[in-house]
PDB file of N, CA and C in Angstrom:
ATOM      1  N   MET A   1     117.330 112.085 119.892  1.00  0.00           N
ATOM      2  CA  MET A   1     115.971 112.538 120.036  1.00  0.00           C
ATOM      3  C   MET A   1     115.389 111.873 121.272  1.00  0.00           C
ATOM      4  N   PRO A   2     114.900 112.657 122.240  1.00  0.00           N
ATOM      5  CA  PRO A   2     114.318 112.061 123.443  1.00  0.00           C
ATOM      6  C   PRO A   2     112.943 111.449 123.172  1.00  0.00           C
ATOM      7  N   VAL A   3     112.668 110.374 123.872  1.00  0.00           N
ATOM      8  CA  VAL A   3     111.363 109.722 123.786  1.00  0.00           C
ATOM      9  C   VAL A   3     110.382 110.514 124.650  1.00  0.00           C
ATOM     10  N   PRO A   4     109.215 110.894 124.079  1.00  0.00           N
ATOM     11  CA  PRO A   4     108.229 111.645 124.871  1.00  0.00           C
ATOM     12  C   PRO A   4     107.804 110.876 126.122  1.00  0.00           C
ATOM     13  N   PRO A   5     107.526 111.584 127.215  1.00  0.00           N
ATOM     14  CA  PRO A   5     107.100 110.918 128.451  1.00  0.00           C
ATOM     15  C   PRO A   5     105.861 110.051 128.216  1.00  0.00           C
ATOM     16  N   GLY A   6     105.884 108.846 128.742  1.00  0.00           N
ATOM     17  CA  GLY A   6     104.752 107.935 128.632  1.00  0.00           C
ATOM     18  C   GLY A   6     104.737 107.106 127.362  1.00  0.00           C
ATOM     19  N   TRP A   7     105.688 107.317 126.477  1.00  0.00           N
ATOM     20  CA  TRP A   7     105.747 106.559 125.227  1.00  0.00           C
ATOM     21  C   TRP A   7     106.699 105.384 125.372  1.00  0.00           C
ATOM     22  N   GLU A   8     106.381 104.288 124.704  1.00  0.00           N
ATOM     23  CA  GLU A   8     107.294 103.156 124.587  1.00  0.00           C
ATOM     24  C   GLU A   8     108.325 103.501 123.515  1.00  0.00           C
ATOM     25  N   ASP A   9     109.483 102.861 123.560  1.00  0.00           N
ATOM     26  CA  ASP A   9     110.513 103.102 122.544  1.00  0.00           C
ATOM     27  C   ASP A   9     109.993 102.812 121.137  1.00  0.00           C
ATOM     28  N   GLN A  10     109.172 101.734 120.998  1.00  0.00           N
ATOM     29  CA  GLN A  10     108.652 101.368 119.676  1.00  0.00           C
ATOM     30  C   GLN A  10     107.726 102.444 119.115  1.00  0.00           C
ATOM     31  N   GLN A  11     106.939 103.090 119.976  1.00  0.00           N
ATOM     32  CA  GLN A  11     106.056 104.163 119.515  1.00  0.00           C
ATOM     33  C   GLN A  11     106.883 105.339 118.997  1.00  0.00           C
ATOM     34  N   ALA A  12     107.900 105.698 119.744  1.00  0.00           N
ATOM     35  CA  ALA A  12     108.746 106.821 119.339  1.00  0.00           C
ATOM     36  C   ALA A  12     109.488 106.510 118.047  1.00  0.00           C
ATOM     37  N   LEU A  13     109.911 105.263 117.877  1.00  0.00           N
ATOM     38  CA  LEU A  13     110.627 104.865 116.672  1.00  0.00           C
ATOM     39  C   LEU A  13     109.758 105.042 115.430  1.00  0.00           C
ATOM     40  N   GLY A  14     108.453 104.847 115.591  1.00  0.00           N
ATOM     41  CA  GLY A  14     107.541 105.028 114.458  1.00  0.00           C
ATOM     42  C   GLY A  14     107.573 106.437 113.905  1.00  0.00           C
ATOM     43  N   LEU A  15     107.835 107.408 114.749  1.00  0.00           N
ATOM     44  CA  LEU A  15     107.901 108.800 114.276  1.00  0.00           C
ATOM     45  C   LEU A  15     109.119 109.045 113.398  1.00  0.00           C
ATOM     46  N   VAL A  16     110.211 108.342 113.679  1.00  0.00           N
ATOM     47  CA  VAL A  16     111.432 108.576 112.905  1.00  0.00           C
ATOM     48  C   VAL A  16     111.629 107.570 111.773  1.00  0.00           C
ATOM     49  N   VAL A  17     110.722 106.601 111.643  1.00  0.00           N
ATOM     50  CA  VAL A  17     110.824 105.625 110.560  1.00  0.00           C
ATOM     51  C   VAL A  17     109.632 105.739 109.606  1.00  0.00           C
ATOM     52  N   ASN A  18     108.411 105.577 110.110  1.00  0.00           N
ATOM     53  CA  ASN A  18     107.231 105.515 109.245  1.00  0.00           C
ATOM     54  C   ASN A  18     106.860 106.864 108.643  1.00  0.00           C
ATOM     55  N   TRP A  19     106.862 107.914 109.428  1.00  0.00           N
ATOM     56  CA  TRP A  19     106.457 109.222 108.912  1.00  0.00           C
ATOM     57  C   TRP A  19     107.439 109.759 107.869  1.00  0.00           C
ATOM     58  N   PRO A  20     108.758 109.669 108.083  1.00  0.00           N
ATOM     59  CA  PRO A  20     109.670 110.127 107.024  1.00  0.00           C
ATOM     60  C   PRO A  20     109.547 109.321 105.731  1.00  0.00           C
ATOM     61  N   THR A  21     109.248 108.021 105.861  1.00  0.00           N
ATOM     62  CA  THR A  21     109.060 107.197 104.666  1.00  0.00           C
ATOM     63  C   THR A  21     107.845 107.688 103.870  1.00  0.00           C
ATOM     64  N   ALA A  22     106.744 107.935 104.555  1.00  0.00           N
ATOM     65  CA  ALA A  22     105.544 108.443 103.888  1.00  0.00           C
ATOM     66  C   ALA A  22     105.809 109.821 103.302  1.00  0.00           C
ATOM     67  N   LEU A  23     106.522 110.649 104.026  1.00  0.00           N
ATOM     68  CA  LEU A  23     106.842 111.992 103.549  1.00  0.00           C
ATOM     69  C   LEU A  23     107.669 111.935 102.268  1.00  0.00           C
ATOM     70  N   ALA A  24     108.643 111.041 102.220  1.00  0.00           N
ATOM     71  CA  ALA A  24     109.483 110.897 101.031  1.00  0.00           C
ATOM     72  C   ALA A  24     108.661 110.446  99.819  1.00  0.00           C
ATOM     73  N   ALA A  25     107.633 109.630 100.058  1.00  0.00           N
ATOM     74  CA  ALA A  25     106.804 109.147  98.955  1.00  0.00           C
ATOM     75  C   ALA A  25     105.842 110.216  98.446  1.00  0.00           C
ATOM     76  N   LEU A  26     105.314 111.034  99.351  1.00  0.00           N
ATOM     77  CA  LEU A  26     104.287 112.009  98.972  1.00  0.00           C
ATOM     78  C   LEU A  26     104.829 113.391  98.641  1.00  0.00           C
ATOM     79  N   LYS A  27     106.003 113.723  99.129  1.00  0.00           N
ATOM     80  CA  LYS A  27     106.491 115.087  99.006  1.00  0.00           C
ATOM     81  C   LYS A  27     107.785 115.253  98.221  1.00  0.00           C
ATOM     82  N   PRO A  28     108.025 114.453  97.180  1.00  0.00           N
ATOM     83  CA  PRO A  28     109.201 114.761  96.367  1.00  0.00           C
ATOM     84  C   PRO A  28     108.943 116.082  95.651  1.00  0.00           C
ATOM     85  N   PRO A  29     109.949 116.670  95.010  1.00  0.00           N
ATOM     86  CA  PRO A  29     109.688 117.915  94.271  1.00  0.00           C
ATOM     87  C   PRO A  29     108.497 117.749  93.328  1.00  0.00           C
ATOM     88  N   GLY A  30     107.522 118.632  93.447  1.00  0.00           N
ATOM     89  CA  GLY A  30     106.319 118.543  92.623  1.00  0.00           C
ATOM     90  C   GLY A  30     105.363 117.483  93.117  1.00  0.00           C
ATOM     91  N   GLY A  31     105.426 117.116  94.396  1.00  0.00           N
ATOM     92  CA  GLY A  31     104.628 116.030  94.975  1.00  0.00           C
ATOM     93  C   GLY A  31     103.157 116.363  95.137  1.00  0.00           C
ATOM     94  N   ILE A  32     102.505 115.629  95.995  1.00  0.00           N
ATOM     95  CA  ILE A  32     101.057 115.695  96.199  1.00  0.00           C
ATOM     96  C   ILE A  32     100.595 117.098  96.587  1.00  0.00           C
ATOM     97  N   ALA A  33      99.425 117.468  96.073  1.00  0.00           N
ATOM     98  CA  ALA A  33      98.857 118.788  96.366  1.00  0.00           C
ATOM     99  C   ALA A  33      97.347 118.663  96.518  1.00  0.00           C
ATOM    100  N   ALA A  34      96.746 119.686  97.068  1.00  0.00           N
ATOM    101  CA  ALA A  34      95.292 119.713  97.256  1.00  0.00           C
ATOM    102  C   ALA A  34      94.585 119.462  95.934  1.00  0.00           C
ATOM    103  N   GLY A  35      93.530 118.653  96.000  1.00  0.00           N
ATOM    104  CA  GLY A  35      92.736 118.363  94.814  1.00  0.00           C
ATOM    105  C   GLY A  35      93.219 117.160  94.027  1.00  0.00           C
ATOM    106  N   GLN A  36      94.419 116.669  94.287  1.00  0.00           N
ATOM    107  CA  GLN A  36      94.920 115.493  93.584  1.00  0.00           C
ATOM    108  C   GLN A  36      94.365 114.234  94.242  1.00  0.00           C
ATOM    109  N   THR A  37      94.438 113.117  93.525  1.00  0.00           N
ATOM    110  CA  THR A  37      94.025 111.827  94.053  1.00  0.00           C
ATOM    111  C   THR A  37      95.273 110.991  94.268  1.00  0.00           C
ATOM    112  N   VAL A  38      95.343 110.347  95.427  1.00  0.00           N
ATOM    113  CA  VAL A  38      96.499 109.506  95.739  1.00  0.00           C
ATOM    114  C   VAL A  38      96.011 108.105  96.101  1.00  0.00           C
ATOM    115  N   LEU A  39      96.673 107.088  95.539  1.00  0.00           N
ATOM    116  CA  LEU A  39      96.381 105.687  95.850  1.00  0.00           C
ATOM    117  C   LEU A  39      97.424 105.214  96.841  1.00  0.00           C
ATOM    118  N   ILE A  40      96.988 104.744  97.987  1.00  0.00           N
ATOM    119  CA  ILE A  40      97.905 104.270  99.013  1.00  0.00           C
ATOM    120  C   ILE A  40      97.641 102.792  99.254  1.00  0.00           C
ATOM    121  N   HIS A  41      98.631 101.971  98.907  1.00  0.00           N
ATOM    122  CA  HIS A  41      98.545 100.534  99.164  1.00  0.00           C
ATOM    123  C   HIS A  41      99.028 100.264 100.584  1.00  0.00           C
ATOM    124  N   ALA A  42      98.550  99.192 101.178  1.00  0.00           N
ATOM    125  CA  ALA A  42      98.931  98.807 102.552  1.00  0.00           C
ATOM    126  C   ALA A  42      98.613  99.930 103.527  1.00  0.00           C
ATOM    127  N   ALA A  43      97.439 100.512 103.383  1.00  0.00           N
ATOM    128  CA  ALA A  43      97.058 101.662 104.205  1.00  0.00           C
ATOM    129  C   ALA A  43      96.858 101.320 105.677  1.00  0.00           C
ATOM    130  N   ALA A  44      96.755 100.049 106.015  1.00  0.00           N
ATOM    131  CA  ALA A  44      96.610  99.674 107.420  1.00  0.00           C
ATOM    132  C   ALA A  44      97.959  99.580 108.128  1.00  0.00           C
ATOM    133  N   SER A  45      99.040  99.613 107.363  1.00  0.00           N
ATOM    134  CA  SER A  45     100.367  99.565 107.985  1.00  0.00           C
ATOM    135  C   SER A  45     100.686 100.921 108.611  1.00  0.00           C
ATOM    136  N   ALA A  46     101.709 100.957 109.428  1.00  0.00           N
ATOM    137  CA  ALA A  46     102.082 102.212 110.086  1.00  0.00           C
ATOM    138  C   ALA A  46     102.473 103.275 109.064  1.00  0.00           C
ATOM    139  N   THR A  47     103.260 102.896 108.071  1.00  0.00           N
ATOM    140  CA  THR A  47     103.658 103.853 107.044  1.00  0.00           C
ATOM    141  C   THR A  47     102.459 104.237 106.188  1.00  0.00           C
ATOM    142  N   GLY A  48     101.599 103.277 105.893  1.00  0.00           N
ATOM    143  CA  GLY A  48     100.388 103.565 105.119  1.00  0.00           C
ATOM    144  C   GLY A  48      99.470 104.536 105.840  1.00  0.00           C
ATOM    145  N   GLN A  49      99.302 104.350 107.146  1.00  0.00           N
ATOM    146  CA  GLN A  49      98.466 105.261 107.919  1.00  0.00           C
ATOM    147  C   GLN A  49      99.063 106.664 107.945  1.00  0.00           C
ATOM    148  N   ALA A  50     100.384 106.748 108.047  1.00  0.00           N
ATOM    149  CA  ALA A  50     101.042 108.051 108.002  1.00  0.00           C
ATOM    150  C   ALA A  50     100.807 108.711 106.642  1.00  0.00           C
ATOM    151  N   ALA A  51     100.907 107.928 105.563  1.00  0.00           N
ATOM    152  CA  ALA A  51     100.698 108.469 104.222  1.00  0.00           C
ATOM    153  C   ALA A  51      99.260 108.953 104.038  1.00  0.00           C
ATOM    154  N   VAL A  52      98.293 108.185 104.548  1.00  0.00           N
ATOM    155  CA  VAL A  52      96.893 108.586 104.458  1.00  0.00           C
ATOM    156  C   VAL A  52      96.684 109.920 105.169  1.00  0.00           C
ATOM    157  N   ARG A  53      97.202 110.034 106.374  1.00  0.00           N
ATOM    158  CA  ARG A  53      97.027 111.277 107.136  1.00  0.00           C
ATOM    159  C   ARG A  53      97.696 112.457 106.457  1.00  0.00           C
ATOM    160  N   MET A  54      98.900 112.253 105.926  1.00  0.00           N
ATOM    161  CA  MET A  54      99.603 113.347 105.244  1.00  0.00           C
ATOM    162  C   MET A  54      98.852 113.793 103.997  1.00  0.00           C
ATOM    163  N   ALA A  55      98.403 112.828 103.209  1.00  0.00           N
ATOM    164  CA  ALA A  55      97.699 113.164 101.971  1.00  0.00           C
ATOM    165  C   ALA A  55      96.404 113.916 102.273  1.00  0.00           C
ATOM    166  N   LYS A  56      95.653 113.441 103.264  1.00  0.00           N
ATOM    167  CA  LYS A  56      94.406 114.125 103.623  1.00  0.00           C
ATOM    168  C   LYS A  56      94.683 115.510 104.195  1.00  0.00           C
ATOM    169  N   HIS A  57      95.750 115.641 104.963  1.00  0.00           N
ATOM    170  CA  HIS A  57      96.124 116.946 105.513  1.00  0.00           C
ATOM    171  C   HIS A  57      96.409 117.944 104.393  1.00  0.00           C
ATOM    172  N   ASP A  58      96.990 117.446 103.301  1.00  0.00           N
ATOM    173  CA  ASP A  58      97.321 118.304 102.168  1.00  0.00           C
ATOM    174  C   ASP A  58      96.145 118.512 101.220  1.00  0.00           C
ATOM    175  N   GLY A  59      94.992 117.940 101.553  1.00  0.00           N
ATOM    176  CA  GLY A  59      93.798 118.159 100.740  1.00  0.00           C
ATOM    177  C   GLY A  59      93.636 117.212  99.572  1.00  0.00           C
ATOM    178  N   ALA A  60      94.380 116.117  99.576  1.00  0.00           N
ATOM    179  CA  ALA A  60      94.265 115.143  98.491  1.00  0.00           C
ATOM    180  C   ALA A  60      93.100 114.201  98.750  1.00  0.00           C
ATOM    181  N   ARG A  61      92.563 113.638  97.685  1.00  0.00           N
ATOM    182  CA  ARG A  61      91.542 112.600  97.772  1.00  0.00           C
ATOM    183  C   ARG A  61      92.275 111.274  97.911  1.00  0.00           C
ATOM    184  N   VAL A  62      91.921 110.468  98.902  1.00  0.00           N
ATOM    185  CA  VAL A  62      92.652 109.233  99.188  1.00  0.00           C
ATOM    186  C   VAL A  62      91.860 108.018  98.750  1.00  0.00           C
ATOM    187  N   ILE A  63      92.528 107.153  98.017  1.00  0.00           N
ATOM    188  CA  ILE A  63      92.006 105.824  97.698  1.00  0.00           C
ATOM    189  C   ILE A  63      92.990 104.862  98.354  1.00  0.00           C
ATOM    190  N   ALA A  64      92.481 103.966  99.201  1.00  0.00           N
ATOM    191  CA  ALA A  64      93.353 103.108  99.999  1.00  0.00           C
ATOM    192  C   ALA A  64      93.045 101.636  99.784  1.00  0.00           C
ATOM    193  N   THR A  65      94.087 100.803  99.840  1.00  0.00           N
ATOM    194  CA  THR A  65      93.930  99.349  99.784  1.00  0.00           C
ATOM    195  C   THR A  65      94.659  98.735 100.969  1.00  0.00           C
ATOM    196  N   ALA A  66      94.227  97.542 101.350  1.00  0.00           N
ATOM    197  CA  ALA A  66      94.895  96.804 102.423  1.00  0.00           C
ATOM    198  C   ALA A  66      94.494  95.342 102.354  1.00  0.00           C
ATOM    199  N   SER A  67      95.327  94.493 102.876  1.00  0.00           N
ATOM    200  CA  SER A  67      95.003  93.072 102.967  1.00  0.00           C
ATOM    201  C   SER A  67      94.096  92.856 104.166  1.00  0.00           C
ATOM    202  N   PRO A  68      93.245  91.828 104.100  1.00  0.00           N
ATOM    203  CA  PRO A  68      92.407  91.555 105.272  1.00  0.00           C
ATOM    204  C   PRO A  68      93.285  91.069 106.414  1.00  0.00           C
ATOM    205  N   ALA A  69      93.126  91.689 107.557  1.00  0.00           N
ATOM    206  CA  ALA A  69      93.909  91.325 108.738  1.00  0.00           C
ATOM    207  C   ALA A  69      93.252  91.950 109.953  1.00  0.00           C
ATOM    208  N   PRO A  70      93.559  91.459 111.122  1.00  0.00           N
ATOM    209  CA  PRO A  70      92.991  92.063 112.323  1.00  0.00           C
ATOM    210  C   PRO A  70      93.705  93.356 112.713  1.00  0.00           C
ATOM    211  N   ALA A  71      94.187  94.107 111.728  1.00  0.00           N
ATOM    212  CA  ALA A  71      94.957  95.322 112.002  1.00  0.00           C
ATOM    213  C   ALA A  71      94.068  96.476 112.439  1.00  0.00           C
ATOM    214  N   TRP A  72      92.791  96.432 112.074  1.00  0.00           N
ATOM    215  CA  TRP A  72      91.920  97.553 112.392  1.00  0.00           C
ATOM    216  C   TRP A  72      91.115  97.226 113.637  1.00  0.00           C
ATOM    217  N   PRO A  73      91.100  98.112 114.602  1.00  0.00           N
ATOM    218  CA  PRO A  73      90.402  97.817 115.851  1.00  0.00           C
ATOM    219  C   PRO A  73      88.891  97.738 115.721  1.00  0.00           C
ATOM    220  N   GLN A  74      88.309  98.366 114.710  1.00  0.00           N
ATOM    221  CA  GLN A  74      86.859  98.354 114.555  1.00  0.00           C
ATOM    222  C   GLN A  74      86.507  97.848 113.158  1.00  0.00           C
ATOM    223  N   PRO A  75      85.582  96.880 113.062  1.00  0.00           N
ATOM    224  CA  PRO A  75      85.196  96.384 111.742  1.00  0.00           C
ATOM    225  C   PRO A  75      84.626  97.500 110.871  1.00  0.00           C
ATOM    226  N   ASN A  76      84.880  97.410 109.589  1.00  0.00           N
ATOM    227  CA  ASN A  76      84.365  98.361 108.600  1.00  0.00           C
ATOM    228  C   ASN A  76      84.853  99.796 108.813  1.00  0.00           C
ATOM    229  N   ARG A  77      85.946  99.969 109.501  1.00  0.00           N
ATOM    230  CA  ARG A  77      86.500 101.309 109.671  1.00  0.00           C
ATOM    231  C   ARG A  77      87.861 101.342 108.996  1.00  0.00           C
ATOM    232  N   SER A  78      87.998 102.159 107.993  1.00  0.00           N
ATOM    233  CA  SER A  78      89.245 102.210 107.253  1.00  0.00           C
ATOM    234  C   SER A  78      90.180 103.250 107.829  1.00  0.00           C
ATOM    235  N   PRO A  79      91.505 103.036 107.687  1.00  0.00           N
ATOM    236  CA  PRO A  79      92.448 104.050 108.122  1.00  0.00           C
ATOM    237  C   PRO A  79      92.282 105.348 107.324  1.00  0.00           C
ATOM    238  N   ALA A  80      91.697 105.242 106.129  1.00  0.00           N
ATOM    239  CA  ALA A  80      91.514 106.432 105.295  1.00  0.00           C
ATOM    240  C   ALA A  80      90.370 107.299 105.789  1.00  0.00           C
ATOM    241  N   GLY A  81      89.532 106.769 106.665  1.00  0.00           N
ATOM    242  CA  GLY A  81      88.431 107.561 107.215  1.00  0.00           C
ATOM    243  C   GLY A  81      87.230 107.593 106.294  1.00  0.00           C
ATOM    244  N   SER A  82      86.165 108.165 106.789  1.00  0.00           N
ATOM    245  CA  SER A  82      84.909 108.157 106.050  1.00  0.00           C
ATOM    246  C   SER A  82      84.910 109.088 104.853  1.00  0.00           C
ATOM    247  N   SER A  83      85.824 110.046 104.805  1.00  0.00           N
ATOM    248  CA  SER A  83      85.830 110.978 103.688  1.00  0.00           C
ATOM    249  C   SER A  83      86.650 110.468 102.510  1.00  0.00           C
ATOM    250  N   SER A  84      87.213 109.264 102.639  1.00  0.00           N
ATOM    251  CA  SER A  84      87.977 108.733 101.512  1.00  0.00           C
ATOM    252  C   SER A  84      87.017 108.342 100.393  1.00  0.00           C
ATOM    253  N   THR A  85      87.525 108.339  99.172  1.00  0.00           N
ATOM    254  CA  THR A  85      86.696 108.034  98.026  1.00  0.00           C
ATOM    255  C   THR A  85      86.437 106.541  97.897  1.00  0.00           C
ATOM    256  N   ALA A  86      87.453 105.731  98.205  1.00  0.00           N
ATOM    257  CA  ALA A  86      87.301 104.291  98.025  1.00  0.00           C
ATOM    258  C   ALA A  86      88.112 103.553  99.065  1.00  0.00           C
ATOM    259  N   TRP A  87      87.621 102.395  99.424  1.00  0.00           N
ATOM    260  CA  TRP A  87      88.347 101.525 100.352  1.00  0.00           C
ATOM    261  C   TRP A  87      88.217 100.130  99.814  1.00  0.00           C
ATOM    262  N   GLN A  88      89.312  99.544  99.409  1.00  0.00           N
ATOM    263  CA  GLN A  88      89.293  98.220  98.814  1.00  0.00           C
ATOM    264  C   GLN A  88      90.133  97.280  99.664  1.00  0.00           C
ATOM    265  N   VAL A  89      89.554  96.188 100.081  1.00  0.00           N
ATOM    266  CA  VAL A  89      90.305  95.184 100.812  1.00  0.00           C
ATOM    267  C   VAL A  89      90.756  94.132  99.814  1.00  0.00           C
ATOM    268  N   ALA A  90      92.071  93.957  99.708  1.00  0.00           N
ATOM    269  CA  ALA A  90      92.629  92.980  98.780  1.00  0.00           C
ATOM    270  C   ALA A  90      92.453  91.577  99.343  1.00  0.00           C
ATOM    271  N   THR A  91      92.031  90.650  98.500  1.00  0.00           N
ATOM    272  CA  THR A  91      91.839  89.274  98.934  1.00  0.00           C
ATOM    273  C   THR A  91      92.938  88.401  98.341  1.00  0.00           C
ATOM    274  N   PRO A  92      93.740  87.735  99.201  1.00  0.00           N
ATOM    275  CA  PRO A  92      94.798  86.861  98.681  1.00  0.00           C
ATOM    276  C   PRO A  92      94.195  85.725  97.857  1.00  0.00           C
ATOM    277  N   ARG A  93      94.933  85.314  96.857  1.00  0.00           N
ATOM    278  CA  ARG A  93      94.457  84.204  96.002  1.00  0.00           C
ATOM    279  C   ARG A  93      95.178  82.944  96.304  1.00  0.00           C
TER     280      ARG A  93
END
């Protein structure tokens, strides 16, 4: 698979690792469908972000969790977006 022009190898690798992983989790036989609710843990990770986007694309309601980390470029902005039902930041004990 050729790397798209202007992309780093690591960016291209994310397409063949993170997205298929999210797809396998959300799209098994009888998988996620419009109107369903999906809970995505570690939504700030690359695979979590892919899962959030796939679920929302399919019309599912997304509930997302993530650990506090500087992973998000803007404070108070979740990878699940403003239309998500819930955003919970897990606090380590």
